[in-house]
């Protein structure tokens, strides 16, 4: 596996895990950019949005574009059952890092 592919898979897991921690299982792309920046440094917004579109295409999230007051155009991501199942290790999505075992 290449370094770039590993970065993509790790970022996708970070996105799903962060959404799973949210009370309403939703976040906007700007907040998710901050999460991804902690895992994979120096990736532009377009790269993060590409990961969101990929997760949407796999059915792990629902993604809609919206305009938020003060933020402008953003993508709103909502975790789906499949995405939660991946985070909780019930079902796996190829192309997303597997969650670590709990210690």
C-alpha atoms as a PDB file:
ATOM      1  CA  UNK A   1       0.000   0.000   0.000  1.00  0.00           C
ATOM      2  CA  UNK A   2       1.340   3.427  -0.906  1.00  0.00           C
ATOM      3  CA  UNK A   3       1.744   6.263   1.589  1.00  0.00           C
ATOM      4  CA  UNK A   4      -0.980   8.280  -0.165  1.00  0.00           C
ATOM      5  CA  UNK A   5      -3.412   5.378  -0.018  1.00  0.00           C
ATOM      6  CA  UNK A   6      -2.685   4.879   3.702  1.00  0.00           C
ATOM      7  CA  UNK A   7      -3.311   8.599   4.301  1.00  0.00           C
ATOM      8  CA  UNK A   8      -6.656   8.379   2.509  1.00  0.00           C
ATOM      9  CA  UNK A   9      -7.767   5.321   4.466  1.00  0.00           C
ATOM     10  CA  UNK A  10      -6.699   6.848   7.802  1.00  0.00           C
ATOM     11  CA  UNK A  11      -8.458  10.136   7.035  1.00  0.00           C
ATOM     12  CA  UNK A  12     -11.657   8.296   6.103  1.00  0.00           C
ATOM     13  CA  UNK A  13     -11.643   6.430   9.410  1.00  0.00           C
ATOM     14  CA  UNK A  14     -11.000   9.676  11.305  1.00  0.00           C
ATOM     15  CA  UNK A  15     -13.989  11.272   9.576  1.00  0.00           C
ATOM     16  CA  UNK A  16     -16.292   8.356  10.382  1.00  0.00           C
ATOM     17  CA  UNK A  17     -15.081   8.151  13.981  1.00  0.00           C
ATOM     18  CA  UNK A  18     -15.606  11.878  14.535  1.00  0.00           C
ATOM     19  CA  UNK A  19     -19.104  11.734  13.070  1.00  0.00           C
ATOM     20  CA  UNK A  20     -19.909   8.770  15.333  1.00  0.00           C
ATOM     21  CA  UNK A  21     -19.002  10.872  18.377  1.00  0.00           C
ATOM     22  CA  UNK A  22     -21.376  13.696  17.466  1.00  0.00           C
ATOM     23  CA  UNK A  23     -24.773  13.778  19.136  1.00  0.00           C
ATOM     24  CA  UNK A  24     -26.566  14.133  15.788  1.00  0.00           C
ATOM     25  CA  UNK A  25     -23.890  12.225  13.790  1.00  0.00           C
ATOM     26  CA  UNK A  26     -23.309  15.327  11.616  1.00  0.00           C
ATOM     27  CA  UNK A  27     -20.530  17.840  11.008  1.00  0.00           C
ATOM     28  CA  UNK A  28     -19.621  20.310   8.324  1.00  0.00           C
ATOM     29  CA  UNK A  29     -16.556  19.941   6.127  1.00  0.00           C
ATOM     30  CA  UNK A  30     -14.689  22.758   7.864  1.00  0.00           C
ATOM     31  CA  UNK A  31     -14.882  20.993  11.219  1.00  0.00           C
ATOM     32  CA  UNK A  32     -13.915  17.723   9.577  1.00  0.00           C
ATOM     33  CA  UNK A  33     -10.918  19.446   7.960  1.00  0.00           C
ATOM     34  CA  UNK A  34      -9.633  20.163  11.480  1.00  0.00           C
ATOM     35  CA  UNK A  35     -10.038  16.496  12.419  1.00  0.00           C
ATOM     36  CA  UNK A  36      -8.226  15.302   9.301  1.00  0.00           C
ATOM     37  CA  UNK A  37      -5.414  17.834   9.872  1.00  0.00           C
ATOM     38  CA  UNK A  38      -4.629  16.032  13.137  1.00  0.00           C
ATOM     39  CA  UNK A  39      -4.159  12.737  11.285  1.00  0.00           C
ATOM     40  CA  UNK A  40      -2.790  13.765   7.888  1.00  0.00           C
ATOM     41  CA  UNK A  41      -0.925  17.056   7.653  1.00  0.00           C
ATOM     42  CA  UNK A  42      -0.885  19.537   4.795  1.00  0.00           C
ATOM     43  CA  UNK A  43      -3.880  18.337   2.814  1.00  0.00           C
ATOM     44  CA  UNK A  44      -5.949  21.003   1.058  1.00  0.00           C
ATOM     45  CA  UNK A  45      -9.679  21.388   1.539  1.00  0.00           C
ATOM     46  CA  UNK A  46     -10.290  19.819  -1.863  1.00  0.00           C
ATOM     47  CA  UNK A  47      -8.497  16.644  -0.730  1.00  0.00           C
ATOM     48  CA  UNK A  48     -10.687  16.377   2.369  1.00  0.00           C
ATOM     49  CA  UNK A  49     -13.805  17.009   0.288  1.00  0.00           C
ATOM     50  CA  UNK A  50     -12.684  14.233  -2.078  1.00  0.00           C
ATOM     51  CA  UNK A  51     -12.558  11.863   0.907  1.00  0.00           C
ATOM     52  CA  UNK A  52     -16.064  12.972   1.905  1.00  0.00           C
ATOM     53  CA  UNK A  53     -17.357  12.358  -1.633  1.00  0.00           C
ATOM     54  CA  UNK A  54     -15.716   8.922  -1.617  1.00  0.00           C
ATOM     55  CA  UNK A  55     -17.358   8.018   1.710  1.00  0.00           C
ATOM     56  CA  UNK A  56     -20.682   9.253   0.320  1.00  0.00           C
ATOM     57  CA  UNK A  57     -20.269   7.083  -2.793  1.00  0.00           C
ATOM     58  CA  UNK A  58     -19.640   4.052  -0.556  1.00  0.00           C
ATOM     59  CA  UNK A  59     -22.775   4.751   1.508  1.00  0.00           C
ATOM     60  CA  UNK A  60     -20.843   5.470   4.730  1.00  0.00           C
ATOM     61  CA  UNK A  61     -22.102   9.062   4.946  1.00  0.00           C
ATOM     62  CA  UNK A  62     -24.736  11.234   3.344  1.00  0.00           C
ATOM     63  CA  UNK A  63     -23.214  14.405   1.958  1.00  0.00           C
ATOM     64  CA  UNK A  64     -25.049  17.580   1.004  1.00  0.00           C
ATOM     65  CA  UNK A  65     -23.734  20.982   0.021  1.00  0.00           C
ATOM     66  CA  UNK A  66     -25.066  23.915   1.960  1.00  0.00           C
ATOM     67  CA  UNK A  67     -24.338  27.537   2.732  1.00  0.00           C
ATOM     68  CA  UNK A  68     -23.965  28.342   6.407  1.00  0.00           C
ATOM     69  CA  UNK A  69     -24.159  31.900   7.748  1.00  0.00           C
ATOM     70  CA  UNK A  70     -20.654  33.170   8.348  1.00  0.00           C
ATOM     71  CA  UNK A  71     -19.021  30.112   6.770  1.00  0.00           C
ATOM     72  CA  UNK A  72     -20.236  30.235   3.205  1.00  0.00           C
ATOM     73  CA  UNK A  73     -20.497  27.045   1.138  1.00  0.00           C
ATOM     74  CA  UNK A  74     -19.690  23.861   3.041  1.00  0.00           C
ATOM     75  CA  UNK A  75     -20.468  20.183   2.818  1.00  0.00           C
ATOM     76  CA  UNK A  76     -22.596  18.671   5.583  1.00  0.00           C
ATOM     77  CA  UNK A  77     -21.784  15.038   6.344  1.00  0.00           C
ATOM     78  CA  UNK A  78     -24.145  12.714   8.198  1.00  0.00           C
ATOM     79  CA  UNK A  79     -23.070   9.254   9.315  1.00  0.00           C
ATOM     80  CA  UNK A  80     -25.104   6.328   7.957  1.00  0.00           C
ATOM     81  CA  UNK A  81     -25.702   2.936   9.537  1.00  0.00           C
ATOM     82  CA  UNK A  82     -22.920   1.466   7.364  1.00  0.00           C
ATOM     83  CA  UNK A  83     -20.477   4.127   8.539  1.00  0.00           C
ATOM     84  CA  UNK A  84     -21.367   3.509  12.188  1.00  0.00           C
ATOM     85  CA  UNK A  85     -21.101  -0.238  11.670  1.00  0.00           C
ATOM     86  CA  UNK A  86     -17.556   0.239  10.356  1.00  0.00           C
ATOM     87  CA  UNK A  87     -16.543   2.358  13.357  1.00  0.00           C
ATOM     88  CA  UNK A  88     -18.086  -0.215  15.705  1.00  0.00           C
ATOM     89  CA  UNK A  89     -16.408  -3.126  13.852  1.00  0.00           C
ATOM     90  CA  UNK A  90     -19.664  -4.807  12.772  1.00  0.00           C
ATOM     91  CA  UNK A  91     -19.101  -4.362   9.040  1.00  0.00           C
ATOM     92  CA  UNK A  92     -16.031  -3.259   7.135  1.00  0.00           C
ATOM     93  CA  UNK A  93     -15.707  -0.826   4.253  1.00  0.00           C
ATOM     94  CA  UNK A  94     -12.798  -1.565   1.903  1.00  0.00           C
ATOM     95  CA  UNK A  95     -10.681   1.573   1.524  1.00  0.00           C
ATOM     96  CA  UNK A  96     -11.157   2.681   5.146  1.00  0.00           C
ATOM     97  CA  UNK A  97      -8.659   1.795   7.872  1.00  0.00           C
ATOM     98  CA  UNK A  98     -10.014  -0.737  10.344  1.00  0.00           C
ATOM     99  CA  UNK A  99     -10.639   0.699  13.800  1.00  0.00           C
ATOM    100  CA  UNK A 100      -8.128  -0.393  16.416  1.00  0.00           C
ATOM    101  CA  UNK A 101      -9.118  -2.994  18.956  1.00  0.00           C
ATOM    102  CA  UNK A 102     -10.102  -1.581  22.327  1.00  0.00           C
ATOM    103  CA  UNK A 103      -7.575  -2.204  25.055  1.00  0.00           C
END
